[in-house]
Amino acid sequence: MKLYHSICENRDFRRLYTRGKSVVGRTLVTYAGRNREGCVRIGITTGKKVGNAVLRNRSRRIIREAFRTLAPRIKKGTDLIFVARTKTAYIKSTELLPEMEKQLRKIGVINFEKEG
């Protein structure tokens, strides 16, 4: 079974931007909200300020890899949007992981123990 699904609809992104909880960090902005589907869904946004297409794609890969390690600990029924910042493309996923975990704890969507 897949640990998370992608958010594809623009209305889902807009809903989280307006009504979701948000946390801002040096390399990442996180929005979180509940969904009715009972699964974890994520969306990743990288704007043109991040850089050219190569840097934007690298930022998305870094965010996805950092999230992959945290995915089993996320509460079911959660929507998450990660917005890459300019510095995201220049770090490794292992450097992004502590900041992402801190943001998810602050929002309250991460379990403290791994689910079994």
N, C-alpha and C. Protein backbone atom coordinates (compact mmCIF):
# COMPACT_ATOMS: atom_id res chain seq x y z
N MET A 1 0.83 -1.18 0.00
CA MET A 1 0.00 0.00 0.00
C MET A 1 0.87 1.25 0.00
N LYS A 2 0.48 2.22 -0.78
CA LYS A 2 1.22 3.47 -0.88
C LYS A 2 1.05 4.30 0.39
N LEU A 3 2.14 4.88 0.88
CA LEU A 3 2.09 5.65 2.13
C LEU A 3 1.43 7.01 1.96
N TYR A 4 1.49 7.57 0.75
CA TYR A 4 0.87 8.87 0.51
C TYR A 4 0.47 9.00 -0.96
N HIS A 5 -0.45 9.93 -1.22
CA HIS A 5 -0.92 10.20 -2.57
C HIS A 5 -0.62 11.66 -2.90
N SER A 6 -0.70 12.01 -4.16
CA SER A 6 -0.41 13.38 -4.57
C SER A 6 -1.68 14.22 -4.61
N ILE A 7 -1.54 15.48 -4.28
CA ILE A 7 -2.63 16.44 -4.44
C ILE A 7 -2.47 17.02 -5.84
N CYS A 8 -3.50 16.89 -6.65
CA CYS A 8 -3.42 17.34 -8.03
C CYS A 8 -4.37 18.50 -8.34
N GLU A 9 -5.44 18.60 -7.59
CA GLU A 9 -6.47 19.60 -7.88
C GLU A 9 -6.09 20.98 -7.33
N ASN A 10 -6.27 22.00 -8.14
CA ASN A 10 -5.98 23.37 -7.74
C ASN A 10 -6.83 23.79 -6.54
N ARG A 11 -8.08 23.34 -6.49
CA ARG A 11 -8.96 23.73 -5.38
C ARG A 11 -8.45 23.20 -4.05
N ASP A 12 -7.79 22.02 -4.06
CA ASP A 12 -7.21 21.48 -2.83
C ASP A 12 -6.02 22.33 -2.36
N PHE A 13 -5.20 22.78 -3.31
CA PHE A 13 -4.10 23.67 -2.98
C PHE A 13 -4.64 24.98 -2.39
N ARG A 14 -5.63 25.57 -3.05
CA ARG A 14 -6.20 26.84 -2.59
C ARG A 14 -6.83 26.70 -1.21
N ARG A 15 -7.52 25.58 -0.97
CA ARG A 15 -8.16 25.35 0.33
C ARG A 15 -7.12 25.34 1.45
N LEU A 16 -6.00 24.66 1.23
CA LEU A 16 -4.96 24.61 2.25
C LEU A 16 -4.27 25.96 2.43
N TYR A 17 -4.07 26.69 1.33
CA TYR A 17 -3.44 28.01 1.44
C TYR A 17 -4.29 28.95 2.28
N THR A 18 -5.61 28.86 2.14
CA THR A 18 -6.48 29.80 2.85
C THR A 18 -6.87 29.31 4.24
N ARG A 19 -7.19 28.04 4.42
CA ARG A 19 -7.71 27.54 5.69
C ARG A 19 -6.76 26.66 6.48
N GLY A 20 -5.65 26.27 5.88
CA GLY A 20 -4.73 25.36 6.56
C GLY A 20 -3.80 26.07 7.52
N LYS A 21 -3.19 25.29 8.40
CA LYS A 21 -2.16 25.81 9.29
C LYS A 21 -0.87 25.89 8.50
N SER A 22 -0.04 26.90 8.81
CA SER A 22 1.21 27.03 8.07
C SER A 22 2.36 27.32 9.02
N VAL A 23 3.55 26.86 8.61
CA VAL A 23 4.79 27.11 9.33
C VAL A 23 5.84 27.48 8.30
N VAL A 24 6.60 28.53 8.60
CA VAL A 24 7.62 29.02 7.66
C VAL A 24 9.00 28.74 8.24
N GLY A 25 9.89 28.22 7.41
CA GLY A 25 11.27 27.96 7.81
C GLY A 25 12.24 28.55 6.80
N ARG A 26 13.53 28.34 7.04
CA ARG A 26 14.56 28.87 6.15
C ARG A 26 14.48 28.28 4.74
N THR A 27 14.23 26.98 4.66
CA THR A 27 14.27 26.31 3.37
C THR A 27 12.94 25.72 2.93
N LEU A 28 11.90 25.87 3.76
CA LEU A 28 10.64 25.20 3.45
C LEU A 28 9.47 25.90 4.13
N VAL A 29 8.34 25.96 3.43
CA VAL A 29 7.08 26.42 4.01
C VAL A 29 6.12 25.24 3.95
N THR A 30 5.44 24.97 5.06
CA THR A 30 4.53 23.83 5.14
C THR A 30 3.13 24.28 5.47
N TYR A 31 2.16 23.79 4.70
CA TYR A 31 0.73 24.00 4.98
C TYR A 31 0.12 22.64 5.27
N ALA A 32 -0.79 22.60 6.25
CA ALA A 32 -1.41 21.32 6.61
C ALA A 32 -2.88 21.52 6.90
N GLY A 33 -3.66 20.49 6.59
CA GLY A 33 -5.09 20.49 6.87
C GLY A 33 -5.61 19.07 6.86
N ARG A 34 -6.86 18.90 7.22
CA ARG A 34 -7.49 17.58 7.24
C ARG A 34 -8.14 17.30 5.89
N ASN A 35 -8.27 16.02 5.57
CA ASN A 35 -9.05 15.63 4.40
C ASN A 35 -10.04 14.55 4.81
N ARG A 36 -11.00 14.30 3.95
CA ARG A 36 -12.05 13.32 4.25
C ARG A 36 -11.73 11.94 3.70
N GLU A 37 -10.61 11.81 3.04
CA GLU A 37 -10.31 10.55 2.36
C GLU A 37 -9.60 9.53 3.25
N GLY A 38 -9.12 9.95 4.41
CA GLY A 38 -8.50 9.02 5.33
C GLY A 38 -7.10 8.58 4.94
N CYS A 39 -6.47 9.30 4.03
CA CYS A 39 -5.10 8.97 3.63
C CYS A 39 -4.26 10.25 3.68
N VAL A 40 -2.96 10.08 3.61
CA VAL A 40 -2.05 11.22 3.59
C VAL A 40 -1.87 11.64 2.14
N ARG A 41 -2.05 12.93 1.88
CA ARG A 41 -1.83 13.47 0.53
C ARG A 41 -0.84 14.62 0.63
N ILE A 42 0.08 14.70 -0.34
CA ILE A 42 1.03 15.81 -0.35
C ILE A 42 1.04 16.50 -1.71
N GLY A 43 1.38 17.77 -1.66
CA GLY A 43 1.60 18.56 -2.86
C GLY A 43 2.88 19.34 -2.67
N ILE A 44 3.64 19.49 -3.73
CA ILE A 44 4.91 20.23 -3.66
C ILE A 44 4.86 21.35 -4.68
N THR A 45 5.16 22.57 -4.22
CA THR A 45 5.13 23.73 -5.08
C THR A 45 6.52 24.35 -5.14
N THR A 46 6.98 24.66 -6.33
CA THR A 46 8.23 25.39 -6.50
C THR A 46 7.99 26.51 -7.49
N GLY A 47 8.18 27.73 -7.05
CA GLY A 47 7.97 28.89 -7.91
C GLY A 47 9.19 29.21 -8.74
N LYS A 48 9.05 30.17 -9.63
CA LYS A 48 10.16 30.55 -10.50
C LYS A 48 11.29 31.24 -9.74
N LYS A 49 11.00 31.75 -8.55
CA LYS A 49 12.05 32.37 -7.75
C LYS A 49 13.11 31.36 -7.33
N VAL A 50 12.74 30.09 -7.28
CA VAL A 50 13.68 29.04 -6.88
C VAL A 50 14.81 28.93 -7.89
N GLY A 51 14.51 29.14 -9.15
CA GLY A 51 15.54 29.06 -10.19
C GLY A 51 14.98 28.46 -11.46
N ASN A 52 15.90 27.97 -12.29
CA ASN A 52 15.49 27.38 -13.56
C ASN A 52 14.87 26.00 -13.34
N ALA A 53 14.48 25.34 -14.39
CA ALA A 53 13.77 24.06 -14.29
C ALA A 53 14.59 23.00 -13.57
N VAL A 54 15.90 23.00 -13.78
CA VAL A 54 16.75 22.01 -13.13
C VAL A 54 16.71 22.19 -11.61
N LEU A 55 16.81 23.43 -11.14
CA LEU A 55 16.78 23.69 -9.70
C LEU A 55 15.41 23.43 -9.11
N ARG A 56 14.35 23.75 -9.85
CA ARG A 56 13.00 23.48 -9.34
C ARG A 56 12.76 21.98 -9.20
N ASN A 57 13.18 21.20 -10.20
CA ASN A 57 13.02 19.75 -10.12
C ASN A 57 13.87 19.16 -8.99
N ARG A 58 15.08 19.68 -8.81
CA ARG A 58 15.93 19.22 -7.71
C ARG A 58 15.26 19.51 -6.37
N SER A 59 14.67 20.68 -6.23
CA SER A 59 13.98 21.04 -4.99
C SER A 59 12.85 20.07 -4.70
N ARG A 60 12.07 19.73 -5.72
CA ARG A 60 10.97 18.78 -5.54
C ARG A 60 11.48 17.41 -5.12
N ARG A 61 12.56 16.95 -5.74
CA ARG A 61 13.14 15.65 -5.38
C ARG A 61 13.64 15.63 -3.94
N ILE A 62 14.28 16.72 -3.52
CA ILE A 62 14.79 16.81 -2.15
C ILE A 62 13.65 16.77 -1.15
N ILE A 63 12.59 17.53 -1.41
CA ILE A 63 11.43 17.55 -0.52
C ILE A 63 10.77 16.18 -0.47
N ARG A 64 10.58 15.55 -1.63
CA ARG A 64 9.92 14.24 -1.69
C ARG A 64 10.72 13.19 -0.93
N GLU A 65 12.05 13.22 -1.05
CA GLU A 65 12.88 12.23 -0.37
C GLU A 65 12.88 12.45 1.14
N ALA A 66 12.92 13.70 1.58
CA ALA A 66 12.87 13.98 3.01
C ALA A 66 11.52 13.54 3.58
N PHE A 67 10.44 13.78 2.83
CA PHE A 67 9.12 13.38 3.31
C PHE A 67 8.96 11.86 3.35
N ARG A 68 9.58 11.17 2.41
CA ARG A 68 9.45 9.72 2.33
C ARG A 68 9.85 9.05 3.64
N THR A 69 10.87 9.57 4.30
CA THR A 69 11.31 8.98 5.56
C THR A 69 10.34 9.27 6.70
N LEU A 70 9.60 10.38 6.61
CA LEU A 70 8.64 10.75 7.65
C LEU A 70 7.23 10.24 7.39
N ALA A 71 6.95 9.78 6.19
CA ALA A 71 5.59 9.41 5.79
C ALA A 71 4.90 8.40 6.71
N PRO A 72 5.59 7.37 7.20
CA PRO A 72 4.88 6.41 8.06
C PRO A 72 4.40 7.01 9.38
N ARG A 73 4.96 8.14 9.79
CA ARG A 73 4.62 8.74 11.08
C ARG A 73 3.54 9.83 10.97
N ILE A 74 3.09 10.15 9.76
CA ILE A 74 2.09 11.20 9.57
C ILE A 74 0.70 10.65 9.89
N LYS A 75 -0.10 11.44 10.58
CA LYS A 75 -1.46 11.02 10.93
C LYS A 75 -2.30 10.87 9.66
N LYS A 76 -3.12 9.83 9.63
CA LYS A 76 -3.98 9.57 8.47
C LYS A 76 -5.02 10.67 8.34
N GLY A 77 -5.41 10.95 7.11
CA GLY A 77 -6.41 11.98 6.86
C GLY A 77 -5.83 13.38 6.85
N THR A 78 -4.56 13.51 6.47
CA THR A 78 -3.88 14.80 6.47
C THR A 78 -3.48 15.19 5.05
N ASP A 79 -3.71 16.44 4.71
CA ASP A 79 -3.20 17.02 3.47
C ASP A 79 -2.02 17.91 3.83
N LEU A 80 -0.94 17.81 3.06
CA LEU A 80 0.24 18.64 3.28
C LEU A 80 0.68 19.27 1.98
N ILE A 81 1.06 20.53 2.05
CA ILE A 81 1.67 21.20 0.91
C ILE A 81 3.01 21.74 1.37
N PHE A 82 4.04 21.42 0.61
CA PHE A 82 5.38 21.92 0.87
C PHE A 82 5.74 22.91 -0.23
N VAL A 83 6.16 24.10 0.17
CA VAL A 83 6.56 25.13 -0.78
C VAL A 83 8.07 25.30 -0.66
N ALA A 84 8.78 25.07 -1.76
CA ALA A 84 10.24 25.20 -1.77
C ALA A 84 10.62 26.67 -1.73
N ARG A 85 11.69 26.95 -1.03
CA ARG A 85 12.24 28.30 -1.01
C ARG A 85 13.55 28.29 -1.79
N THR A 86 14.15 29.45 -1.95
CA THR A 86 15.35 29.58 -2.79
C THR A 86 16.48 28.67 -2.34
N LYS A 87 16.67 28.49 -1.03
CA LYS A 87 17.78 27.70 -0.51
C LYS A 87 17.55 26.20 -0.62
N THR A 88 16.34 25.77 -0.90
CA THR A 88 16.01 24.34 -0.92
C THR A 88 16.85 23.57 -1.94
N ALA A 89 17.10 24.16 -3.08
CA ALA A 89 17.81 23.46 -4.16
C ALA A 89 19.28 23.23 -3.84
N TYR A 90 19.80 23.92 -2.84
CA TYR A 90 21.24 23.85 -2.56
C TYR A 90 21.58 23.02 -1.32
N ILE A 91 20.60 22.32 -0.75
CA ILE A 91 20.88 21.47 0.39
C ILE A 91 20.53 20.02 0.04
N LYS A 92 20.89 19.11 0.93
CA LYS A 92 20.55 17.70 0.72
C LYS A 92 19.30 17.36 1.52
N SER A 93 18.68 16.25 1.15
CA SER A 93 17.45 15.86 1.83
C SER A 93 17.70 15.55 3.31
N THR A 94 18.89 15.08 3.64
CA THR A 94 19.21 14.81 5.04
C THR A 94 19.32 16.10 5.85
N GLU A 95 19.65 17.21 5.20
CA GLU A 95 19.70 18.50 5.88
C GLU A 95 18.30 19.10 6.01
N LEU A 96 17.42 18.77 5.09
CA LEU A 96 16.05 19.28 5.12
C LEU A 96 15.18 18.51 6.12
N LEU A 97 15.51 17.26 6.34
CA LEU A 97 14.71 16.39 7.19
C LEU A 97 14.43 16.95 8.59
N PRO A 98 15.43 17.44 9.35
CA PRO A 98 15.13 17.97 10.69
C PRO A 98 14.18 19.17 10.66
N GLU A 99 14.34 20.05 9.68
CA GLU A 99 13.45 21.20 9.58
C GLU A 99 12.03 20.77 9.25
N MET A 100 11.89 19.82 8.33
CA MET A 100 10.57 19.32 7.97
C MET A 100 9.90 18.65 9.18
N GLU A 101 10.65 17.84 9.90
CA GLU A 101 10.10 17.17 11.07
C GLU A 101 9.68 18.18 12.14
N LYS A 102 10.48 19.20 12.34
CA LYS A 102 10.16 20.25 13.31
C LYS A 102 8.87 20.97 12.92
N GLN A 103 8.72 21.28 11.64
CA GLN A 103 7.51 21.96 11.17
C GLN A 103 6.29 21.07 11.33
N LEU A 104 6.41 19.79 11.00
CA LEU A 104 5.27 18.88 11.11
C LEU A 104 4.88 18.66 12.57
N ARG A 105 5.85 18.63 13.47
CA ARG A 105 5.54 18.54 14.90
C ARG A 105 4.82 19.79 15.37
N LYS A 106 5.28 20.95 14.92
CA LYS A 106 4.67 22.22 15.32
C LYS A 106 3.21 22.30 14.87
N ILE A 107 2.93 21.81 13.69
CA ILE A 107 1.56 21.79 13.18
C ILE A 107 0.72 20.73 13.90
N GLY A 108 1.37 19.65 14.34
CA GLY A 108 0.68 18.61 15.08
C GLY A 108 0.17 17.46 14.24
N VAL A 109 0.84 17.17 13.12
CA VAL A 109 0.36 16.08 12.25
C VAL A 109 1.28 14.86 12.28
N ILE A 110 2.33 14.91 13.10
CA ILE A 110 3.26 13.80 13.13
C ILE A 110 3.09 13.04 14.45
N ASN A 111 3.11 11.72 14.34
CA ASN A 111 3.07 10.88 15.54
C ASN A 111 4.48 10.78 16.09
N PHE A 112 4.60 10.62 17.39
CA PHE A 112 5.92 10.57 18.00
C PHE A 112 6.58 9.21 17.81
N GLU A 113 5.78 8.17 17.63
CA GLU A 113 6.34 6.85 17.41
C GLU A 113 6.00 6.40 16.00
N LYS A 114 6.82 5.52 15.50
CA LYS A 114 6.57 4.95 14.18
C LYS A 114 5.38 4.00 14.27
N GLU A 115 4.48 4.06 13.27
CA GLU A 115 3.35 3.15 13.25
C GLU A 115 3.79 1.77 12.83
N GLY A 116 3.18 0.76 13.39
CA GLY A 116 3.61 -0.60 13.08
C GLY A 116 2.67 -1.40 12.38
